[in-house]
């Protein structure tokens, strides 16, 4: 989170958080998206830690894929915020590729819960 602040505010905005003619809504979303992704990733890691003994490692690959997807989502949101701040964003850039990869991993992890065969007792 500190690295995100450094790159988005210090590097991307030249150390100035707001200007007199700044768009406050853009500023809010530039900082809120990476912060929200960190919160989601924290919850996912806590749930993984608590559920590891409960599931016995049965869904370990699925949970790893979801966590990897959330990490990639954080990177994609950060790249989007940074490139729009520095006015270098264009459709189909490498940040969009990271976003697509993030959604792939999240979907792959969710399908692991659905497609895992259940054993009859």
Foldseek 3Di string as FASTA:
>chain_A
DVVLCCLLQCVLVVNDLDDPPGDVVLSCQLPVQLVVLVVVLVVLVVCCVVCCVVVVCLLVQLSVLLSVLSVLSSVLSSVVSSCVSNVNDDPPDVSVVSNVSSVVSNVVSVVSVVPPDDDDD
